[in-house]
Amino acid sequence: MQHRSWPLFELAVVTPHLELRYLDDELALAIVPLIADIHDPSFMPFSAPFTDLPEPELYHEALRFFWTNRASTRRDHWRLQFAVLVENTPIGLCDLFAEQYPTLRQFETGSWLARDRQGLGLGTEMRRAVLHLGFVGLGAEFATTGAWHDNAPSLGVTRKLGYRETGRRRAVRRDAPDELIGFRMDRAHHDAIRRTDIGLRGVAEAREFLGL
């Protein structure tokens, strides 16, 4: 089915091991139950501690977040959210977001996987997929990301793929100061590590919708 009224519903990235599929309501409802078990409660990997919310408020806020991001999509401001699927089963969420993208050609990424899917190489594969979409599909010049200084899994993926560290800054984490590390990758580096086995669907329509 083609979604002419909202072409982003056709957008997807496919690798040999997983798929990123633009988040519609059906996928959002399938993703929400996974949020309660992303990480150990004693550790907070996110800048916004949304996983501290009790159920069912956690699920309500997650859906509000998904819907708000979809509704606020504009050419100069967007957050594209994708369900991560393995063998058609949702296992996590990945997004890329940007401000003034037609001018700056820079995007940021974020993601999470259900805890039972972590440590299997899927985080790296997921990052490869979203970088491919940003650089190859949307014509980016730079990609950025960040993680807390002690978020070893996220930092491991970022450093493995060759991002350059851009600096460290103090930020609030669960109402206390902590250190956040920033990273950036440029187009030349992505061209050097770009894979040929990653496919894109719905990119032409998405580019037109986003003013690219």
N, C-alpha and C. Protein backbone atom coordinates (compact mmCIF):
# COMPACT_ATOMS: atom_id res chain seq x y z
N MET A 1 0.84 -1.20 0.00
CA MET A 1 0.00 0.00 0.00
C MET A 1 0.88 1.25 0.00
N GLN A 2 0.57 2.20 -0.87
CA GLN A 2 1.31 3.45 -0.91
C GLN A 2 0.59 4.50 -0.07
N HIS A 3 1.38 5.29 0.66
CA HIS A 3 0.83 6.30 1.56
C HIS A 3 1.16 7.67 1.00
N ARG A 4 0.39 8.12 0.02
CA ARG A 4 0.68 9.40 -0.62
C ARG A 4 0.49 10.56 0.35
N SER A 5 -0.41 10.41 1.32
CA SER A 5 -0.65 11.50 2.26
C SER A 5 0.49 11.66 3.26
N TRP A 6 1.23 10.57 3.51
CA TRP A 6 2.38 10.61 4.43
C TRP A 6 3.44 9.64 3.90
N PRO A 7 4.22 10.07 2.91
CA PRO A 7 5.14 9.16 2.22
C PRO A 7 6.18 8.50 3.12
N LEU A 8 6.43 9.07 4.28
CA LEU A 8 7.45 8.49 5.17
C LEU A 8 7.08 7.08 5.61
N PHE A 9 5.79 6.74 5.57
CA PHE A 9 5.39 5.38 5.95
C PHE A 9 6.01 4.33 5.03
N GLU A 10 6.49 4.73 3.86
CA GLU A 10 7.12 3.80 2.93
C GLU A 10 8.63 3.66 3.17
N LEU A 11 9.19 4.47 4.06
CA LEU A 11 10.64 4.53 4.22
C LEU A 11 11.16 3.36 5.04
N ALA A 12 12.20 2.70 4.53
CA ALA A 12 12.78 1.56 5.24
C ALA A 12 14.23 1.37 4.81
N VAL A 13 15.00 0.76 5.71
CA VAL A 13 16.39 0.38 5.45
C VAL A 13 16.50 -1.11 5.72
N VAL A 14 17.09 -1.85 4.79
CA VAL A 14 17.17 -3.30 4.93
C VAL A 14 18.63 -3.74 4.85
N THR A 15 19.08 -4.49 5.85
CA THR A 15 20.41 -5.08 5.85
C THR A 15 20.25 -6.60 5.88
N PRO A 16 21.34 -7.35 5.76
CA PRO A 16 21.21 -8.81 5.83
C PRO A 16 20.71 -9.32 7.18
N HIS A 17 20.75 -8.48 8.22
CA HIS A 17 20.43 -8.96 9.56
C HIS A 17 19.23 -8.29 10.22
N LEU A 18 18.82 -7.12 9.70
CA LEU A 18 17.68 -6.43 10.31
C LEU A 18 17.07 -5.44 9.34
N GLU A 19 15.96 -4.87 9.75
CA GLU A 19 15.28 -3.84 8.96
C GLU A 19 14.91 -2.68 9.86
N LEU A 20 15.08 -1.47 9.37
CA LEU A 20 14.54 -0.27 10.00
C LEU A 20 13.31 0.13 9.20
N ARG A 21 12.17 0.20 9.86
CA ARG A 21 10.91 0.53 9.18
C ARG A 21 10.27 1.72 9.87
N TYR A 22 9.95 2.75 9.08
CA TYR A 22 9.37 3.97 9.65
C TYR A 22 8.19 3.62 10.55
N LEU A 23 8.14 4.28 11.70
CA LEU A 23 7.21 3.91 12.76
C LEU A 23 5.79 4.39 12.46
N ASP A 24 4.89 3.43 12.19
CA ASP A 24 3.47 3.74 12.10
C ASP A 24 2.82 3.32 13.42
N ASP A 25 1.51 3.48 13.53
CA ASP A 25 0.85 3.19 14.81
C ASP A 25 0.92 1.71 15.17
N GLU A 26 0.81 0.84 14.19
CA GLU A 26 0.89 -0.59 14.48
C GLU A 26 2.24 -0.96 15.04
N LEU A 27 3.30 -0.45 14.44
CA LEU A 27 4.64 -0.72 14.94
C LEU A 27 4.87 -0.07 16.30
N ALA A 28 4.34 1.14 16.48
CA ALA A 28 4.50 1.82 17.76
C ALA A 28 3.90 1.01 18.90
N LEU A 29 2.73 0.46 18.67
CA LEU A 29 2.07 -0.35 19.70
C LEU A 29 2.85 -1.64 19.97
N ALA A 30 3.53 -2.16 18.96
CA ALA A 30 4.35 -3.36 19.16
C ALA A 30 5.65 -3.05 19.89
N ILE A 31 6.16 -1.83 19.70
CA ILE A 31 7.42 -1.42 20.33
C ILE A 31 7.25 -1.09 21.80
N VAL A 32 6.14 -0.47 22.15
CA VAL A 32 5.95 0.08 23.50
C VAL A 32 6.20 -0.93 24.62
N PRO A 33 5.72 -2.17 24.55
CA PRO A 33 5.97 -3.10 25.66
C PRO A 33 7.44 -3.39 25.91
N LEU A 34 8.29 -3.18 24.91
CA LEU A 34 9.72 -3.45 25.07
C LEU A 34 10.42 -2.41 25.94
N ILE A 35 9.81 -1.23 26.06
CA ILE A 35 10.48 -0.12 26.73
C ILE A 35 10.73 -0.40 28.20
N ALA A 36 9.90 -1.23 28.81
CA ALA A 36 10.04 -1.52 30.24
C ALA A 36 11.29 -2.33 30.56
N ASP A 37 11.95 -2.90 29.55
CA ASP A 37 13.13 -3.73 29.83
C ASP A 37 14.23 -3.43 28.82
N ILE A 38 14.68 -2.19 28.80
CA ILE A 38 15.80 -1.80 27.95
C ILE A 38 17.12 -1.90 28.72
N HIS A 39 17.11 -1.55 30.00
CA HIS A 39 18.35 -1.48 30.77
C HIS A 39 18.09 -1.79 32.23
N ASP A 40 19.15 -2.08 32.96
CA ASP A 40 19.07 -2.27 34.40
C ASP A 40 18.59 -0.96 35.03
N PRO A 41 17.62 -1.01 35.94
CA PRO A 41 17.11 0.22 36.55
C PRO A 41 18.16 1.05 37.27
N SER A 42 19.26 0.44 37.68
CA SER A 42 20.30 1.18 38.39
C SER A 42 21.15 2.04 37.46
N PHE A 43 21.00 1.87 36.16
CA PHE A 43 21.81 2.58 35.18
C PHE A 43 20.90 3.34 34.23
N MET A 44 21.23 4.60 33.92
CA MET A 44 20.42 5.38 33.00
C MET A 44 21.23 5.75 31.77
N PRO A 45 20.96 5.13 30.62
CA PRO A 45 21.71 5.44 29.41
C PRO A 45 21.21 6.65 28.65
N PHE A 46 20.02 7.15 28.98
CA PHE A 46 19.39 8.21 28.21
C PHE A 46 19.56 9.58 28.87
N SER A 47 19.56 10.62 28.06
CA SER A 47 19.61 11.98 28.60
C SER A 47 18.31 12.34 29.28
N ALA A 48 17.20 11.96 28.68
CA ALA A 48 15.89 12.13 29.30
C ALA A 48 15.50 10.79 29.93
N PRO A 49 15.35 10.73 31.25
CA PRO A 49 15.15 9.45 31.94
C PRO A 49 13.71 8.93 31.84
N PHE A 50 13.22 8.79 30.62
CA PHE A 50 11.82 8.41 30.44
C PHE A 50 11.52 7.00 30.94
N THR A 51 12.53 6.14 30.97
CA THR A 51 12.30 4.77 31.42
C THR A 51 12.11 4.67 32.93
N ASP A 52 12.29 5.77 33.65
CA ASP A 52 12.02 5.78 35.09
C ASP A 52 10.53 5.88 35.39
N LEU A 53 9.73 6.22 34.40
CA LEU A 53 8.29 6.34 34.63
C LEU A 53 7.67 4.98 34.94
N PRO A 54 6.67 4.95 35.82
CA PRO A 54 5.99 3.68 36.11
C PRO A 54 5.04 3.30 34.97
N GLU A 55 4.76 2.02 34.87
CA GLU A 55 3.73 1.58 33.93
C GLU A 55 2.36 1.90 34.54
N PRO A 56 1.34 2.22 33.74
CA PRO A 56 1.34 2.36 32.28
C PRO A 56 1.70 3.77 31.79
N GLU A 57 2.06 4.68 32.71
CA GLU A 57 2.42 6.04 32.29
C GLU A 57 3.58 6.01 31.30
N LEU A 58 4.51 5.08 31.50
CA LEU A 58 5.64 4.93 30.60
C LEU A 58 5.16 4.72 29.17
N TYR A 59 4.19 3.85 28.99
CA TYR A 59 3.68 3.55 27.65
C TYR A 59 2.91 4.74 27.07
N HIS A 60 2.13 5.40 27.92
CA HIS A 60 1.38 6.57 27.45
C HIS A 60 2.33 7.65 26.94
N GLU A 61 3.38 7.92 27.71
CA GLU A 61 4.32 8.97 27.32
C GLU A 61 5.11 8.59 26.07
N ALA A 62 5.43 7.31 25.94
CA ALA A 62 6.15 6.86 24.74
C ALA A 62 5.31 7.10 23.49
N LEU A 63 4.03 6.75 23.56
CA LEU A 63 3.16 6.97 22.41
C LEU A 63 2.98 8.45 22.12
N ARG A 64 2.86 9.27 23.15
CA ARG A 64 2.78 10.71 22.93
C ARG A 64 4.03 11.23 22.22
N PHE A 65 5.18 10.72 22.64
CA PHE A 65 6.45 11.12 22.03
C PHE A 65 6.48 10.73 20.56
N PHE A 66 6.08 9.50 20.25
CA PHE A 66 6.07 9.06 18.86
C PHE A 66 5.14 9.94 18.01
N TRP A 67 3.94 10.16 18.51
CA TRP A 67 2.95 10.93 17.75
C TRP A 67 3.37 12.38 17.59
N THR A 68 3.94 12.96 18.66
CA THR A 68 4.39 14.35 18.58
C THR A 68 5.48 14.52 17.53
N ASN A 69 6.43 13.59 17.51
CA ASN A 69 7.50 13.69 16.53
C ASN A 69 6.98 13.56 15.10
N ARG A 70 6.05 12.67 14.90
CA ARG A 70 5.48 12.53 13.56
C ARG A 70 4.74 13.80 13.16
N ALA A 71 3.91 14.31 14.07
CA ALA A 71 3.09 15.47 13.74
C ALA A 71 3.91 16.73 13.52
N SER A 72 5.08 16.83 14.15
CA SER A 72 5.89 18.05 14.05
C SER A 72 6.90 18.00 12.92
N THR A 73 6.85 16.96 12.09
CA THR A 73 7.79 16.83 10.98
C THR A 73 7.61 17.97 9.98
N ARG A 74 8.67 18.73 9.77
CA ARG A 74 8.69 19.81 8.79
C ARG A 74 10.03 19.75 8.04
N ARG A 75 10.14 20.48 6.97
CA ARG A 75 11.38 20.44 6.19
C ARG A 75 12.59 20.92 6.98
N ASP A 76 12.39 21.85 7.91
CA ASP A 76 13.51 22.38 8.67
C ASP A 76 13.61 21.78 10.08
N HIS A 77 12.76 20.81 10.38
CA HIS A 77 12.77 20.19 11.71
C HIS A 77 12.11 18.82 11.60
N TRP A 78 12.87 17.76 11.86
CA TRP A 78 12.26 16.44 11.83
C TRP A 78 13.02 15.44 12.70
N ARG A 79 12.25 14.46 13.14
CA ARG A 79 12.81 13.32 13.86
C ARG A 79 12.15 12.07 13.27
N LEU A 80 12.91 11.35 12.48
CA LEU A 80 12.40 10.16 11.81
C LEU A 80 12.66 8.96 12.70
N GLN A 81 11.59 8.30 13.11
CA GLN A 81 11.71 7.17 14.04
C GLN A 81 11.39 5.86 13.33
N PHE A 82 12.18 4.85 13.64
CA PHE A 82 12.08 3.56 12.96
C PHE A 82 12.01 2.43 13.97
N ALA A 83 11.10 1.50 13.73
CA ALA A 83 11.14 0.25 14.46
C ALA A 83 12.29 -0.58 13.90
N VAL A 84 13.00 -1.26 14.78
CA VAL A 84 14.05 -2.18 14.38
C VAL A 84 13.45 -3.58 14.40
N LEU A 85 13.52 -4.27 13.27
CA LEU A 85 12.91 -5.59 13.17
C LEU A 85 13.94 -6.64 12.76
N VAL A 86 13.85 -7.80 13.40
CA VAL A 86 14.62 -8.97 13.00
C VAL A 86 13.62 -10.07 12.69
N GLU A 87 13.68 -10.57 11.47
CA GLU A 87 12.71 -11.57 11.01
C GLU A 87 11.28 -11.11 11.28
N ASN A 88 11.05 -9.83 10.98
CA ASN A 88 9.74 -9.18 11.08
C ASN A 88 9.24 -9.00 12.51
N THR A 89 10.11 -9.21 13.49
CA THR A 89 9.75 -9.02 14.90
C THR A 89 10.39 -7.75 15.43
N PRO A 90 9.62 -6.82 15.98
CA PRO A 90 10.20 -5.59 16.54
C PRO A 90 11.08 -5.89 17.75
N ILE A 91 12.28 -5.30 17.75
CA ILE A 91 13.22 -5.52 18.86
C ILE A 91 13.77 -4.22 19.43
N GLY A 92 13.42 -3.07 18.84
CA GLY A 92 13.97 -1.82 19.33
C GLY A 92 13.54 -0.64 18.49
N LEU A 93 14.18 0.48 18.74
CA LEU A 93 13.85 1.74 18.06
C LEU A 93 15.13 2.46 17.67
N CYS A 94 15.12 3.08 16.51
CA CYS A 94 16.26 3.87 16.04
C CYS A 94 15.71 5.13 15.39
N ASP A 95 16.36 6.25 15.62
CA ASP A 95 15.88 7.47 14.98
C ASP A 95 17.04 8.34 14.51
N LEU A 96 16.73 9.20 13.56
CA LEU A 96 17.66 10.25 13.16
C LEU A 96 16.89 11.54 13.11
N PHE A 97 17.53 12.61 13.57
CA PHE A 97 16.82 13.87 13.71
C PHE A 97 17.73 15.03 13.33
N ALA A 98 17.10 16.12 12.93
CA ALA A 98 17.88 17.25 12.41
C ALA A 98 17.09 18.54 12.50
N GLU A 99 17.84 19.64 12.54
CA GLU A 99 17.31 20.99 12.45
C GLU A 99 17.96 21.66 11.25
N GLN A 100 17.16 22.39 10.47
CA GLN A 100 17.66 23.12 9.30
C GLN A 100 18.48 22.20 8.38
N TYR A 101 17.98 21.00 8.18
CA TYR A 101 18.75 20.01 7.43
C TYR A 101 19.05 20.42 5.99
N PRO A 102 18.12 21.00 5.24
CA PRO A 102 18.45 21.36 3.86
C PRO A 102 19.67 22.28 3.75
N THR A 103 19.91 23.06 4.80
CA THR A 103 21.07 23.96 4.81
C THR A 103 22.30 23.31 5.44
N LEU A 104 22.11 22.68 6.59
CA LEU A 104 23.25 22.16 7.35
C LEU A 104 23.71 20.78 6.92
N ARG A 105 22.79 19.96 6.41
CA ARG A 105 23.11 18.59 5.99
C ARG A 105 23.81 17.80 7.11
N GLN A 106 23.29 17.92 8.30
CA GLN A 106 23.82 17.22 9.46
C GLN A 106 22.67 16.62 10.25
N PHE A 107 22.84 15.37 10.70
CA PHE A 107 21.81 14.72 11.49
C PHE A 107 22.42 14.05 12.71
N GLU A 108 21.58 13.79 13.68
CA GLU A 108 21.98 13.09 14.90
C GLU A 108 21.19 11.80 15.00
N THR A 109 21.75 10.80 15.67
CA THR A 109 21.06 9.52 15.81
C THR A 109 20.91 9.14 17.28
N GLY A 110 19.92 8.31 17.53
CA GLY A 110 19.69 7.72 18.84
C GLY A 110 19.04 6.36 18.65
N SER A 111 19.14 5.51 19.66
CA SER A 111 18.56 4.17 19.49
C SER A 111 18.52 3.43 20.82
N TRP A 112 17.73 2.38 20.83
CA TRP A 112 17.76 1.41 21.92
C TRP A 112 17.30 0.06 21.41
N LEU A 113 17.74 -1.00 22.08
CA LEU A 113 17.31 -2.37 21.79
C LEU A 113 16.77 -3.00 23.06
N ALA A 114 15.81 -3.90 22.91
CA ALA A 114 15.35 -4.69 24.05
C ALA A 114 16.55 -5.40 24.67
N ARG A 115 16.53 -5.56 25.97
CA ARG A 115 17.72 -6.06 26.67
C ARG A 115 18.16 -7.44 26.20
N ASP A 116 17.19 -8.30 25.84
CA ASP A 116 17.56 -9.64 25.41
C ASP A 116 18.14 -9.67 24.00
N ARG A 117 18.17 -8.52 23.32
CA ARG A 117 18.76 -8.44 21.98
C ARG A 117 20.08 -7.68 21.98
N GLN A 118 20.53 -7.28 23.14
CA GLN A 118 21.79 -6.55 23.24
C GLN A 118 22.97 -7.52 23.30
N GLY A 119 24.14 -7.04 22.89
CA GLY A 119 25.34 -7.86 22.94
C GLY A 119 25.45 -8.88 21.83
N LEU A 120 24.65 -8.74 20.78
CA LEU A 120 24.64 -9.71 19.68
C LEU A 120 25.13 -9.10 18.37
N GLY A 121 25.64 -7.89 18.42
CA GLY A 121 26.08 -7.21 17.21
C GLY A 121 25.01 -6.44 16.49
N LEU A 122 23.79 -6.47 17.01
CA LEU A 122 22.69 -5.78 16.34
C LEU A 122 22.76 -4.26 16.51
N GLY A 123 23.37 -3.80 17.59
CA GLY A 123 23.54 -2.36 17.77
C GLY A 123 24.43 -1.76 16.70
N THR A 124 25.50 -2.45 16.36
CA THR A 124 26.38 -1.98 15.29
C THR A 124 25.67 -2.03 13.95
N GLU A 125 24.95 -3.13 13.71
CA GLU A 125 24.23 -3.26 12.44
C GLU A 125 23.16 -2.17 12.29
N MET A 126 22.47 -1.89 13.38
CA MET A 126 21.46 -0.84 13.39
C MET A 126 22.08 0.52 13.08
N ARG A 127 23.22 0.82 13.69
CA ARG A 127 23.89 2.10 13.44
C ARG A 127 24.36 2.19 11.99
N ARG A 128 24.89 1.08 11.47
CA ARG A 128 25.28 1.06 10.07
C ARG A 128 24.09 1.40 9.17
N ALA A 129 22.93 0.84 9.51
CA ALA A 129 21.74 1.05 8.69
C ALA A 129 21.31 2.51 8.71
N VAL A 130 21.26 3.12 9.88
CA VAL A 130 20.78 4.50 9.96
C VAL A 130 21.79 5.47 9.36
N LEU A 131 23.08 5.17 9.47
CA LEU A 131 24.08 6.00 8.81
C LEU A 131 23.95 5.91 7.29
N HIS A 132 23.67 4.72 6.80
CA HIS A 132 23.48 4.54 5.36
C HIS A 132 22.30 5.38 4.87
N LEU A 133 21.23 5.37 5.63
CA LEU A 133 20.07 6.19 5.26
C LEU A 133 20.44 7.67 5.24
N GLY A 134 21.13 8.13 6.28
CA GLY A 134 21.47 9.54 6.36
C GLY A 134 22.42 10.00 5.26
N PHE A 135 23.50 9.26 5.08
CA PHE A 135 24.51 9.69 4.11
C PHE A 135 24.12 9.35 2.67
N VAL A 136 23.73 8.12 2.44
CA VAL A 136 23.44 7.67 1.07
C VAL A 136 22.04 8.09 0.64
N GLY A 137 21.06 7.89 1.54
CA GLY A 137 19.69 8.19 1.17
C GLY A 137 19.34 9.66 1.19
N LEU A 138 19.81 10.37 2.22
CA LEU A 138 19.40 11.76 2.41
C LEU A 138 20.50 12.77 2.10
N GLY A 139 21.67 12.29 1.70
CA GLY A 139 22.72 13.20 1.25
C GLY A 139 23.39 14.02 2.32
N ALA A 140 23.54 13.46 3.51
CA ALA A 140 24.15 14.20 4.62
C ALA A 140 25.64 14.43 4.40
N GLU A 141 26.15 15.46 5.06
CA GLU A 141 27.59 15.73 5.10
C GLU A 141 28.19 15.31 6.44
N PHE A 142 27.38 15.33 7.51
CA PHE A 142 27.87 14.98 8.84
C PHE A 142 26.79 14.23 9.62
N ALA A 143 27.25 13.33 10.49
CA ALA A 143 26.37 12.66 11.45
C ALA A 143 26.97 12.84 12.84
N THR A 144 26.14 13.08 13.83
CA THR A 144 26.61 13.23 15.20
C THR A 144 25.88 12.26 16.11
N THR A 145 26.49 12.01 17.25
CA THR A 145 25.86 11.20 18.28
C THR A 145 26.54 11.52 19.60
N GLY A 146 25.99 11.00 20.67
CA GLY A 146 26.57 11.23 21.99
C GLY A 146 26.18 10.14 22.95
N ALA A 147 26.93 10.02 24.03
CA ALA A 147 26.63 9.01 25.05
C ALA A 147 27.27 9.43 26.36
N TRP A 148 26.69 8.98 27.46
CA TRP A 148 27.31 9.20 28.76
C TRP A 148 28.66 8.49 28.81
N HIS A 149 29.56 9.04 29.60
CA HIS A 149 30.94 8.54 29.66
C HIS A 149 31.03 7.07 30.06
N ASP A 150 30.02 6.53 30.74
CA ASP A 150 30.07 5.15 31.21
C ASP A 150 29.12 4.23 30.44
N ASN A 151 28.60 4.69 29.32
CA ASN A 151 27.72 3.85 28.50
C ASN A 151 28.58 3.06 27.52
N ALA A 152 29.21 2.01 28.03
CA ALA A 152 30.19 1.27 27.24
C ALA A 152 29.63 0.68 25.94
N PRO A 153 28.43 0.10 25.93
CA PRO A 153 27.94 -0.46 24.66
C PRO A 153 27.79 0.59 23.56
N SER A 154 27.19 1.73 23.89
CA SER A 154 27.01 2.78 22.89
C SER A 154 28.36 3.35 22.44
N LEU A 155 29.24 3.61 23.39
CA LEU A 155 30.56 4.13 23.04
C LEU A 155 31.34 3.13 22.20
N GLY A 156 31.16 1.85 22.48
CA GLY A 156 31.85 0.82 21.72
C GLY A 156 31.45 0.82 20.25
N VAL A 157 30.15 0.93 20.00
CA VAL A 157 29.66 0.99 18.62
C VAL A 157 30.20 2.24 17.92
N THR A 158 30.10 3.37 18.60
CA THR A 158 30.53 4.63 18.01
C THR A 158 32.01 4.61 17.64
N ARG A 159 32.83 4.14 18.55
CA ARG A 159 34.28 4.12 18.29
C ARG A 159 34.64 3.05 17.27
N LYS A 160 33.93 1.94 17.29
CA LYS A 160 34.19 0.88 16.31
C LYS A 160 33.98 1.38 14.89
N LEU A 161 32.99 2.24 14.70
CA LEU A 161 32.68 2.74 13.37
C LEU A 161 33.51 3.96 12.98
N GLY A 162 34.36 4.43 13.88
CA GLY A 162 35.32 5.46 13.52
C GLY A 162 34.87 6.89 13.63
N TYR A 163 33.84 7.15 14.44
CA TYR A 163 33.48 8.54 14.71
C TYR A 163 34.65 9.28 15.37
N ARG A 164 34.71 10.57 15.19
CA ARG A 164 35.72 11.40 15.85
C ARG A 164 35.10 12.06 17.08
N GLU A 165 35.76 11.95 18.21
CA GLU A 165 35.26 12.61 19.42
C GLU A 165 35.37 14.12 19.27
N THR A 166 34.29 14.82 19.61
CA THR A 166 34.26 16.27 19.44
C THR A 166 34.32 17.04 20.75
N GLY A 167 34.20 16.34 21.87
CA GLY A 167 34.30 17.03 23.14
C GLY A 167 33.43 16.40 24.21
N ARG A 168 33.64 16.87 25.42
CA ARG A 168 32.89 16.39 26.57
C ARG A 168 32.26 17.59 27.27
N ARG A 169 31.06 17.40 27.77
CA ARG A 169 30.37 18.50 28.45
C ARG A 169 29.57 17.97 29.63
N ARG A 170 29.35 18.87 30.57
CA ARG A 170 28.51 18.53 31.72
C ARG A 170 27.05 18.64 31.32
N ALA A 171 26.28 17.66 31.77
CA ALA A 171 24.85 17.65 31.49
C ALA A 171 24.14 16.99 32.66
N VAL A 172 22.84 17.23 32.75
CA VAL A 172 22.05 16.69 33.86
C VAL A 172 21.63 15.26 33.55
N ARG A 173 21.87 14.39 34.51
CA ARG A 173 21.50 12.98 34.39
C ARG A 173 20.83 12.57 35.70
N ARG A 174 19.55 12.27 35.62
CA ARG A 174 18.78 11.94 36.82
C ARG A 174 19.00 12.98 37.92
N ASP A 175 18.88 14.24 37.54
CA ASP A 175 18.94 15.39 38.45
C ASP A 175 20.31 15.61 39.07
N ALA A 176 21.35 15.06 38.46
CA ALA A 176 22.71 15.27 38.95
C ALA A 176 23.63 15.55 37.76
N PRO A 177 24.73 16.29 37.97
CA PRO A 177 25.65 16.56 36.86
C PRO A 177 26.44 15.32 36.48
N ASP A 178 26.69 15.17 35.19
CA ASP A 178 27.50 14.05 34.70
C ASP A 178 28.16 14.47 33.40
N GLU A 179 28.93 13.57 32.80
CA GLU A 179 29.70 13.90 31.60
C GLU A 179 29.16 13.18 30.37
N LEU A 180 28.85 13.98 29.35
CA LEU A 180 28.35 13.47 28.08
C LEU A 180 29.43 13.66 27.02
N ILE A 181 29.69 12.62 26.23
CA ILE A 181 30.72 12.68 25.20
C ILE A 181 30.06 12.79 23.83
N GLY A 182 30.52 13.75 23.03
CA GLY A 182 29.98 13.96 21.69
C GLY A 182 30.91 13.41 20.62
N PHE A 183 30.32 13.00 19.50
CA PHE A 183 31.08 12.43 18.38
C PHE A 183 30.50 12.92 17.06
N ARG A 184 31.36 12.89 16.02
CA ARG A 184 30.90 13.26 14.69
C ARG A 184 31.59 12.39 13.64
N MET A 185 30.85 12.11 12.57
CA MET A 185 31.39 11.40 11.41
C MET A 185 31.11 12.24 10.18
N ASP A 186 32.10 12.36 9.29
CA ASP A 186 31.87 13.11 8.07
C ASP A 186 31.60 12.17 6.89
N ARG A 187 31.18 12.76 5.80
CA ARG A 187 30.79 11.97 4.64
C ARG A 187 31.96 11.16 4.07
N ALA A 188 33.14 11.75 4.07
CA ALA A 188 34.30 11.06 3.52
C ALA A 188 34.58 9.77 4.28
N HIS A 189 34.45 9.82 5.61
CA HIS A 189 34.68 8.61 6.40
C HIS A 189 33.60 7.58 6.10
N HIS A 190 32.35 8.02 6.04
CA HIS A 190 31.30 7.05 5.74
C HIS A 190 31.50 6.42 4.36
N ASP A 191 31.92 7.21 3.40
CA ASP A 191 32.20 6.65 2.07
C ASP A 191 33.24 5.54 2.16
N ALA A 192 34.21 5.72 3.06
CA ALA A 192 35.29 4.74 3.20
C ALA A 192 34.82 3.44 3.85
N ILE A 193 33.79 3.51 4.71
CA ILE A 193 33.33 2.31 5.41
C ILE A 193 31.97 1.83 4.89
N ARG A 194 31.45 2.50 3.89
CA ARG A 194 30.12 2.20 3.36
C ARG A 194 30.02 0.76 2.86
N ARG A 195 28.94 0.11 3.24
CA ARG A 195 28.68 -1.26 2.79
C ARG A 195 27.81 -1.26 1.54
N THR A 196 27.93 -2.35 0.78
CA THR A 196 27.16 -2.47 -0.46
C THR A 196 25.96 -3.40 -0.31
N ASP A 197 25.75 -3.94 0.89
CA ASP A 197 24.65 -4.89 1.09
C ASP A 197 23.50 -4.29 1.90
N ILE A 198 23.39 -2.97 1.92
CA ILE A 198 22.31 -2.29 2.62
C ILE A 198 21.40 -1.63 1.59
N GLY A 199 20.11 -1.92 1.68
CA GLY A 199 19.16 -1.39 0.72
C GLY A 199 18.22 -0.37 1.33
N LEU A 200 17.67 0.50 0.49
CA LEU A 200 16.75 1.55 0.91
C LEU A 200 15.44 1.42 0.13
N ARG A 201 14.34 1.73 0.81
CA ARG A 201 13.03 1.77 0.16
C ARG A 201 12.36 3.11 0.48
N GLY A 202 11.68 3.67 -0.49
CA GLY A 202 10.90 4.88 -0.26
C GLY A 202 11.70 6.14 -0.10
N VAL A 203 12.96 6.14 -0.52
CA VAL A 203 13.82 7.30 -0.29
C VAL A 203 13.45 8.48 -1.18
N ALA A 204 13.15 8.22 -2.44
CA ALA A 204 12.82 9.33 -3.34
C ALA A 204 11.62 10.11 -2.82
N GLU A 205 10.59 9.39 -2.38
CA GLU A 205 9.39 10.04 -1.85
C GLU A 205 9.69 10.79 -0.55
N ALA A 206 10.54 10.19 0.30
CA ALA A 206 10.91 10.85 1.55
C ALA A 206 11.69 12.13 1.29
N ARG A 207 12.61 12.08 0.35
CA ARG A 207 13.39 13.27 0.02
C ARG A 207 12.49 14.41 -0.46
N GLU A 208 11.55 14.09 -1.31
CA GLU A 208 10.63 15.12 -1.80
C GLU A 208 9.81 15.69 -0.65
N PHE A 209 9.33 14.82 0.23
CA PHE A 209 8.52 15.25 1.37
C PHE A 209 9.30 16.18 2.29
N LEU A 210 10.61 15.90 2.45
CA LEU A 210 11.46 16.68 3.34
C LEU A 210 12.14 17.86 2.65
N GLY A 211 11.79 18.10 1.42
CA GLY A 211 12.34 19.26 0.71
C GLY A 211 13.76 19.08 0.25
N LEU A 212 14.15 17.84 -0.06
CA LEU A 212 15.51 17.57 -0.50
C LEU A 212 15.55 17.26 -2.00
